[in-house]
Amino acid sequence: MTFQDLELIEPISKALTEEGYTTPTPIQSKAIPLILQQRDLLGCAQTGTGKTAAFAIPILQLLTNSPINKSERSRIRTLILTPTRELAIQIGESFAAYGRHTGIKHTVIFGGVGQKPQTDALRSGVDVLIATPGRLLDLINQGFIKLNQLEIFVLDEADRMLDMGFVHDVKKVIKLLPAKRQSLFFSATMPPAIMVLADTILTNPAKVEVTPISSTADTIKQSLFYVDKSDKNSLLLHILEDSTIATALVFTRTKHGADKVVKVLRKAGVTSEAIHGNKSQNARQNALKNFKSQTTRVLVATDIAARGIDVDDLTHVINYEIPNIPETYVHRIGRTGRAGAKGTALSFCDVEEKPFLKDIHKLIAKNIPIEKNHPFDTGRY
């Protein structure tokens, strides 16, 4: 199947061609026709499956095909609720890319920065609003946003909303939406609490599921390094001596851990930056921009900050610390080996992390191959 088979309007087809898109991912080929039929949708898909385009493309088409009078321009027609600023910004970039020839206006609002540029954009009128829950409710309470004429509502990364404690805010937003609307609900996992939330939002939804959370892409070469905690920095520097590693995304469990790794890398002359919840919005955006342009070779991230980091052609993901939630491992390494490209995922495991590793092996139903010939292998594990 190609995008041409999806019967997209010319302005969107043109933009996709300019972006170099030819073949839709499984979630795109399944979800786009259903959304264009104005069905409610329950989508189970991880970051990296092409889910943003799966809802952005049909939404742009639906809005373009049912234009409104200029006098109504101030009303918000679509709301996309997403848990993190990074994800909100990336969704905004997607709408800008796919909708560049449509005339559909969008804006992104999130906390942690001044609200005036955001309220100015809202005043000038937007069709699509992409928002994080806190700032959205704040601007609703101030009277800048009304959702009573909304046509389409998207809840993205619902499981992460739950993890981050936003579920009460989400419920407050839902109460403000018109009963007659199209709703799209996306989550990487479907625990019972998420299913209950989905039931309150969706009406007779079509269900689309791709790449279950327990599977890792065959295009990703996985390796496990048993190493003492005290040798992890040396092992990381040893691996980065390989000049063919243009960029690497390194994961730590804590913000403090991310900062410590960056300090070690910089001291050794490796360009690196950290991305986590304590960083200002501008610092995070700049770090991501530098990493995408390969000005920064290594980006060290915590899991919550990294959700939604979408970097084309990323070849290496390094788990400096093994995640204590097995699904997180699948999310982390899924940042590489995308769209059929090859990727490498390296994991450093010390003795205290072995129980976490056991859970990961159980989830992915295979053992990660052990790398024995490295200078810091004590042979004790």
Protein backbone atom coordinates (compact mmCIF):
# COMPACT_ATOMS: atom_id res chain seq x y z
CA MET A 1 0.00 0.00 0.00
CA THR A 2 1.11 3.57 -0.71
CA PHE A 3 -0.22 6.91 0.56
CA GLN A 4 -1.86 7.34 -2.88
CA ASP A 5 -4.14 4.39 -2.02
CA LEU A 6 -5.52 6.28 0.98
CA GLU A 7 -7.37 8.82 -1.20
CA LEU A 8 -5.79 11.85 0.39
CA ILE A 9 -6.51 15.33 -0.93
CA GLU A 10 -3.93 16.98 -3.17
CA PRO A 11 -2.58 19.56 -0.62
CA ILE A 12 -1.78 16.75 1.84
CA SER A 13 -0.41 14.34 -0.81
CA LYS A 14 1.86 17.12 -2.03
CA ALA A 15 3.20 17.75 1.50
CA LEU A 16 3.80 14.04 2.10
CA THR A 17 5.72 13.77 -1.17
CA GLU A 18 7.84 16.75 -0.10
CA GLU A 19 8.52 15.01 3.23
CA GLY A 20 9.63 11.89 1.32
CA TYR A 21 6.74 9.74 2.57
CA THR A 22 5.65 6.96 0.20
CA THR A 23 4.54 3.94 2.23
CA PRO A 24 2.32 4.26 5.31
CA THR A 25 3.29 2.37 8.48
CA PRO A 26 0.82 -0.32 9.69
CA ILE A 27 -0.94 2.05 12.09
CA GLN A 28 -1.25 4.71 9.37
CA SER A 29 -2.73 2.32 6.80
CA LYS A 30 -5.23 1.01 9.39
CA ALA A 31 -6.15 4.24 11.21
CA ILE A 32 -6.29 6.86 8.43
CA PRO A 33 -9.30 5.33 6.55
CA LEU A 34 -11.22 4.81 9.83
CA ILE A 35 -10.62 8.39 11.01
CA LEU A 36 -11.64 9.73 7.58
CA GLN A 37 -14.93 7.84 8.04
CA GLN A 38 -15.30 9.93 11.22
CA ARG A 39 -15.24 6.86 13.47
CA ASP A 40 -14.05 7.01 17.08
CA LEU A 41 -10.77 5.13 17.39
CA LEU A 42 -8.95 3.18 20.09
CA GLY A 43 -5.32 2.87 19.00
CA CYS A 44 -2.78 0.71 20.82
CA ALA A 45 0.57 1.85 19.49
CA GLN A 46 3.96 2.83 20.81
CA THR A 47 5.98 5.91 20.01
CA GLY A 48 7.91 5.22 16.81
CA THR A 49 5.10 3.45 14.97
CA GLY A 50 4.12 6.58 13.03
CA LYS A 51 1.12 7.25 15.24
CA THR A 52 1.26 11.06 15.04
CA ALA A 53 0.90 11.02 11.25
CA ALA A 54 -1.86 8.40 11.66
CA PHE A 55 -4.09 11.01 13.30
CA ALA A 56 -2.63 14.29 11.99
CA ILE A 57 -3.10 13.45 8.29
CA PRO A 58 -6.82 12.50 8.45
CA ILE A 59 -7.62 15.37 10.85
CA LEU A 60 -6.10 17.86 8.39
CA GLN A 61 -8.15 16.31 5.59
CA LEU A 62 -11.43 16.38 7.57
CA LEU A 63 -10.93 20.03 8.55
CA THR A 64 -9.91 21.08 5.02
CA ASN A 65 -12.94 19.31 3.51
CA SER A 66 -15.40 21.07 5.82
CA PRO A 67 -14.24 24.70 5.89
CA ILE A 68 -15.82 27.21 8.29
CA ASN A 69 -16.66 30.89 7.85
CA LYS A 70 -13.92 33.39 8.66
CA SER A 71 -16.18 34.79 11.38
CA GLU A 72 -15.94 31.40 13.15
CA ARG A 73 -12.15 31.28 12.92
CA SER A 74 -11.80 31.90 16.63
CA ARG A 75 -13.33 28.51 17.49
CA ILE A 76 -11.09 25.56 18.18
CA ARG A 77 -12.13 22.61 15.99
CA THR A 78 -9.62 20.00 17.15
CA LEU A 79 -7.92 19.47 20.52
CA ILE A 80 -4.94 17.15 20.92
CA LEU A 81 -4.06 16.48 24.54
CA THR A 82 -0.60 15.10 25.17
CA PRO A 83 1.45 14.58 28.37
CA THR A 84 4.76 16.32 27.67
CA ARG A 85 5.97 19.56 26.12
CA GLU A 86 8.38 17.71 23.84
CA LEU A 87 5.60 15.57 22.44
CA ALA A 88 3.32 18.61 22.02
CA ILE A 89 6.06 20.42 20.07
CA GLN A 90 6.69 17.39 17.85
CA ILE A 91 2.98 16.99 17.10
CA GLY A 92 2.93 20.70 16.21
CA GLU A 93 5.84 20.12 13.82
CA SER A 94 3.90 17.28 12.19
CA PHE A 95 0.83 19.46 11.63
CA ALA A 96 3.07 22.18 10.16
CA ALA A 97 4.71 19.67 7.79
CA TYR A 98 1.63 17.75 6.58
CA GLY A 99 -0.68 20.77 6.61
CA ARG A 100 1.59 23.33 4.96
CA HIS A 101 -0.60 23.57 1.84
CA THR A 102 -3.99 23.34 3.58
CA GLY A 103 -4.34 26.71 5.33
CA ILE A 104 -5.26 24.91 8.58
CA LYS A 105 -3.87 26.88 11.53
CA HIS A 106 -2.53 25.20 14.66
CA THR A 107 -0.81 26.26 17.85
CA VAL A 108 0.93 24.48 20.71
CA ILE A 109 0.47 25.41 24.38
CA PHE A 110 2.36 24.05 27.39
CA GLY A 111 3.53 25.19 30.80
CA GLY A 112 6.99 26.26 31.92
CA VAL A 113 7.14 29.25 29.54
CA GLY A 114 5.36 32.63 29.40
CA GLN A 115 1.75 32.41 28.24
CA LYS A 116 1.54 35.64 26.21
CA PRO A 117 2.78 34.23 22.85
CA GLN A 118 0.33 31.35 23.36
CA THR A 119 -2.66 33.58 24.17
CA ASP A 120 -1.77 35.88 21.23
CA ALA A 121 -1.88 32.87 18.88
CA LEU A 122 -5.23 31.78 20.34
CA ARG A 123 -6.68 35.29 19.86
CA SER A 124 -5.71 35.30 16.18
CA GLY A 125 -7.66 32.04 15.73
CA VAL A 126 -6.59 28.41 15.46
CA ASP A 127 -8.24 25.31 14.04
CA VAL A 128 -6.06 22.79 15.89
CA LEU A 129 -4.88 23.17 19.47
CA ILE A 130 -2.13 20.88 20.78
CA ALA A 131 -1.83 21.14 24.55
CA THR A 132 -0.53 19.68 27.79
CA PRO A 133 -3.23 19.34 30.49
CA GLY A 134 -2.04 21.86 33.10
CA ARG A 135 -1.60 24.89 30.83
CA LEU A 136 -4.80 24.01 28.93
CA LEU A 137 -6.92 24.09 32.10
CA ASP A 138 -5.16 27.26 33.24
CA LEU A 139 -6.03 29.09 29.99
CA ILE A 140 -9.59 27.71 30.03
CA ASN A 141 -10.02 29.09 33.56
CA GLN A 142 -8.69 32.45 32.40
CA GLY A 143 -11.26 32.50 29.60
CA PHE A 144 -8.80 32.25 26.68
CA ILE A 145 -10.06 28.85 25.48
CA LYS A 146 -13.55 27.50 24.87
CA LEU A 147 -14.08 23.91 23.76
CA ASN A 148 -17.87 23.92 23.35
CA GLN A 149 -17.72 23.74 19.54
CA LEU A 150 -14.98 21.15 19.28
CA GLU A 151 -15.32 18.62 16.44
CA ILE A 152 -12.40 16.25 17.09
CA PHE A 153 -10.68 15.30 20.37
CA VAL A 154 -7.42 13.31 20.52
CA LEU A 155 -5.98 11.88 23.74
CA ASP A 156 -2.40 10.86 23.00
CA GLU A 157 -0.11 8.69 25.17
CA ALA A 158 -2.92 7.94 27.62
CA ASP A 159 -0.83 5.51 29.68
CA ARG A 160 1.85 8.15 30.16
CA MET A 161 -0.86 10.63 31.28
CA LEU A 162 -1.76 8.11 33.96
CA ASP A 163 1.90 7.55 34.97
CA MET A 164 2.49 11.28 35.28
CA GLY A 165 -0.58 11.86 37.43
CA PHE A 166 -2.57 13.84 34.86
CA VAL A 167 -5.66 11.65 34.85
CA HIS A 168 -7.74 14.07 36.98
CA ASP A 169 -6.85 16.96 34.67
CA VAL A 170 -7.83 14.83 31.66
CA LYS A 171 -11.21 14.08 33.24
CA LYS A 172 -11.78 17.80 33.88
CA VAL A 173 -11.09 18.53 30.19
CA ILE A 174 -13.43 15.76 29.02
CA LYS A 175 -16.31 17.34 31.01
CA LEU A 176 -15.89 20.53 28.95
CA LEU A 177 -16.17 18.82 25.54
CA PRO A 178 -19.38 18.71 23.50
CA ALA A 179 -21.12 15.31 23.57
CA LYS A 180 -21.24 15.20 19.76
CA ARG A 181 -17.64 14.89 18.62
CA GLN A 182 -15.16 12.44 17.12
CA SER A 183 -12.70 11.05 19.67
CA LEU A 184 -9.36 9.32 19.06
CA PHE A 185 -7.58 7.59 21.96
CA PHE A 186 -3.98 6.36 21.74
CA SER A 187 -1.98 4.42 24.32
CA ALA A 188 1.14 2.22 24.17
CA THR A 189 -0.28 -0.11 26.82
CA MET A 190 -3.86 -0.92 27.81
CA PRO A 191 -3.98 -1.59 31.57
CA PRO A 192 -7.48 -1.74 33.16
CA ALA A 193 -7.42 1.92 34.29
CA ILE A 194 -6.75 3.00 30.69
CA MET A 195 -9.60 0.86 29.35
CA VAL A 196 -11.97 2.46 31.88
CA LEU A 197 -10.84 5.94 30.76
CA ALA A 198 -11.24 4.97 27.09
CA ASP A 199 -14.82 3.83 27.75
CA THR A 200 -15.72 7.27 29.13
CA ILE A 201 -14.36 9.04 26.03
CA LEU A 202 -15.19 6.81 23.04
CA THR A 203 -18.46 5.81 21.39
CA ASN A 204 -18.50 2.48 19.51
CA PRO A 205 -14.81 2.82 18.58
CA ALA A 206 -12.89 1.00 15.87
CA LYS A 207 -9.85 -0.71 17.40
CA VAL A 208 -6.38 -0.60 15.86
CA GLU A 209 -3.43 -2.40 17.41
CA VAL A 210 0.14 -2.55 16.14
CA THR A 211 3.45 -3.84 17.54
CA PRO A 212 2.46 -5.16 20.94
CA ILE A 213 4.49 -3.65 23.75
CA SER A 214 6.36 -6.91 24.40
CA SER A 215 8.04 -7.10 21.02
CA THR A 216 11.31 -5.54 19.92
CA ALA A 217 12.00 -4.85 16.25
CA ASP A 218 14.08 -7.48 14.45
CA THR A 219 16.08 -4.67 12.84
CA ILE A 220 17.59 -3.77 16.25
CA LYS A 221 20.79 -5.60 17.25
CA GLN A 222 20.68 -5.98 21.03
CA SER A 223 23.73 -6.59 23.24
CA LEU A 224 24.15 -6.95 26.99
CA PHE A 225 27.30 -5.89 28.87
CA TYR A 226 27.72 -7.22 32.41
CA VAL A 227 29.75 -4.57 34.19
CA ASP A 228 30.39 -3.32 37.72
CA LYS A 229 28.60 -0.09 38.56
CA SER A 230 31.95 1.67 39.10
CA ASP A 231 33.10 0.73 35.56
CA LYS A 232 30.04 1.95 33.64
CA ASN A 233 31.56 5.36 32.79
CA SER A 234 34.75 3.74 31.47
CA LEU A 235 32.72 1.26 29.40
CA LEU A 236 30.62 4.07 27.92
CA LEU A 237 33.74 6.03 26.91
CA HIS A 238 35.29 2.85 25.50
CA ILE A 239 32.22 2.25 23.29
CA LEU A 240 32.16 5.88 22.13
CA GLU A 241 35.75 5.54 20.89
CA ASP A 242 34.08 3.96 17.84
CA SER A 243 33.92 6.91 15.43
CA THR A 244 31.20 5.21 13.35
CA ILE A 245 28.74 6.00 16.19
CA ALA A 246 27.61 9.41 14.94
CA THR A 247 24.95 9.90 17.62
CA ALA A 248 23.86 7.93 20.67
CA LEU A 249 20.88 8.29 22.96
CA VAL A 250 21.90 7.23 26.49
CA PHE A 251 19.28 6.39 29.15
CA THR A 252 19.61 6.78 32.91
CA ARG A 253 16.95 6.12 35.55
CA THR A 254 17.34 9.48 37.32
CA LYS A 255 17.87 13.17 36.48
CA HIS A 256 20.90 13.28 38.78
CA GLY A 257 22.34 10.23 36.99
CA ALA A 258 21.87 11.93 33.59
CA ASP A 259 23.76 15.03 34.75
CA LYS A 260 26.61 12.92 36.15
CA VAL A 261 27.03 11.02 32.86
CA VAL A 262 27.13 14.29 30.88
CA LYS A 263 29.84 15.61 33.22
CA VAL A 264 31.98 12.49 32.58
CA LEU A 265 31.46 12.64 28.80
CA ARG A 266 32.27 16.35 28.54
CA LYS A 267 35.42 15.90 30.61
CA ALA A 268 36.50 13.27 28.05
CA GLY A 269 35.77 15.67 25.17
CA VAL A 270 32.51 14.06 24.00
CA THR A 271 29.84 16.65 23.09
CA SER A 272 26.84 15.77 25.20
CA GLU A 273 23.74 17.25 26.80
CA ALA A 274 21.13 16.02 29.28
CA ILE A 275 17.38 16.15 28.84
CA HIS A 276 15.15 15.69 31.91
CA GLY A 277 12.35 17.24 33.95
CA ASN A 278 14.56 19.71 35.85
CA LYS A 279 15.79 21.36 32.65
CA SER A 280 14.03 24.50 31.42
CA GLN A 281 11.84 24.21 28.37
CA ASN A 282 14.32 26.15 26.24
CA ALA A 283 17.24 24.00 27.40
CA ARG A 284 15.36 20.83 26.45
CA GLN A 285 14.36 22.17 23.05
CA ASN A 286 17.91 23.31 22.30
CA ALA A 287 19.40 19.99 23.42
CA LEU A 288 17.04 18.11 21.12
CA LYS A 289 17.74 20.48 18.22
CA ASN A 290 21.51 20.09 18.66
CA PHE A 291 21.18 16.31 18.82
CA LYS A 292 19.04 16.15 15.67
CA SER A 293 21.56 18.30 13.79
CA GLN A 294 24.43 16.16 15.19
CA THR A 295 26.08 19.19 16.84
CA THR A 296 25.71 17.15 20.03
CA ARG A 297 26.90 13.57 19.71
CA VAL A 298 25.34 12.11 22.87
CA LEU A 299 21.97 12.94 24.40
CA VAL A 300 21.54 11.59 27.93
CA ALA A 301 17.88 11.26 28.88
CA THR A 302 15.51 10.06 31.57
CA ASP A 303 12.48 8.05 30.45
CA ILE A 304 9.76 10.64 30.99
CA ALA A 305 11.76 13.39 29.25
CA ALA A 306 12.57 11.06 26.36
CA ARG A 307 9.01 9.99 25.59
CA GLY A 308 8.29 11.39 22.16
CA ILE A 309 11.92 12.03 21.17
CA ASP A 310 11.79 11.21 17.50
CA VAL A 311 15.17 11.39 15.79
CA ASP A 312 15.57 10.15 12.24
CA ASP A 313 18.50 7.83 11.54
CA LEU A 314 19.41 7.29 15.20
CA THR A 315 21.74 4.27 15.16
CA HIS A 316 22.55 3.67 18.83
CA VAL A 317 20.58 3.53 22.07
CA ILE A 318 22.60 2.81 25.21
CA ASN A 319 20.94 1.74 28.46
CA TYR A 320 23.50 3.07 30.95
CA GLU A 321 21.10 1.77 33.58
CA ILE A 322 18.60 -1.06 33.12
CA PRO A 323 15.03 0.23 33.50
CA ASN A 324 13.04 -1.15 36.47
CA ILE A 325 9.86 -1.39 34.34
CA PRO A 326 10.34 -4.00 31.58
CA GLU A 327 8.08 -2.22 29.03
CA THR A 328 10.37 0.80 29.33
CA TYR A 329 13.18 -1.25 27.77
CA VAL A 330 11.05 -1.82 24.66
CA HIS A 331 10.19 1.89 24.48
CA ARG A 332 13.81 2.94 24.88
CA ILE A 333 15.33 0.71 22.24
CA GLY A 334 12.44 1.40 19.87
CA ARG A 335 13.94 4.85 19.22
CA THR A 336 16.36 3.17 16.85
CA GLY A 337 15.81 0.68 14.03
CA ARG A 338 12.76 2.58 12.78
CA ALA A 339 11.02 2.25 9.45
CA GLY A 340 13.11 -0.77 8.49
CA ALA A 341 16.47 0.89 9.27
CA LYS A 342 19.07 -1.01 11.29
CA GLY A 343 19.77 -0.01 14.89
CA THR A 344 21.93 -1.04 17.84
CA ALA A 345 20.84 -1.22 21.47
CA LEU A 346 23.52 -1.74 24.14
CA SER A 347 22.62 -2.37 27.79
CA PHE A 348 24.93 -2.09 30.82
CA CYS A 349 23.89 -4.38 33.68
CA ASP A 350 25.43 -4.43 37.17
CA VAL A 351 24.69 -7.02 39.84
CA GLU A 352 21.86 -5.01 41.45
CA GLU A 353 20.07 -4.69 38.10
CA LYS A 354 19.91 -8.43 37.33
CA PRO A 355 16.30 -8.77 38.63
CA PHE A 356 15.21 -5.98 36.21
CA LEU A 357 16.94 -7.83 33.37
CA LYS A 358 15.09 -11.04 34.26
CA ASP A 359 11.75 -9.19 33.91
CA ILE A 360 12.81 -7.77 30.51
CA HIS A 361 13.78 -11.23 29.20
CA LYS A 362 10.41 -12.57 30.34
CA LEU A 363 8.54 -9.72 28.60
CA ILE A 364 10.38 -9.87 25.25
CA ALA A 365 10.40 -13.71 25.38
CA LYS A 366 14.11 -13.98 24.60
CA ASN A 367 17.47 -13.36 26.23
CA ILE A 368 19.57 -10.39 25.13
CA PRO A 369 22.90 -11.71 23.75
CA ILE A 370 25.80 -11.17 26.17
CA GLU A 371 28.88 -9.26 24.99
CA LYS A 372 31.79 -11.08 26.60
CA ASN A 373 34.89 -9.55 25.05
CA HIS A 374 34.96 -6.10 26.58
CA PRO A 375 37.74 -4.67 28.78
CA PHE A 376 35.51 -4.38 31.87
CA ASP A 377 34.10 -7.91 31.90
CA THR A 378 35.11 -9.37 35.29
CA GLY A 379 33.54 -12.74 34.49
CA ARG A 380 31.77 -12.65 37.88
CA TYR A 381 28.20 -12.42 36.55
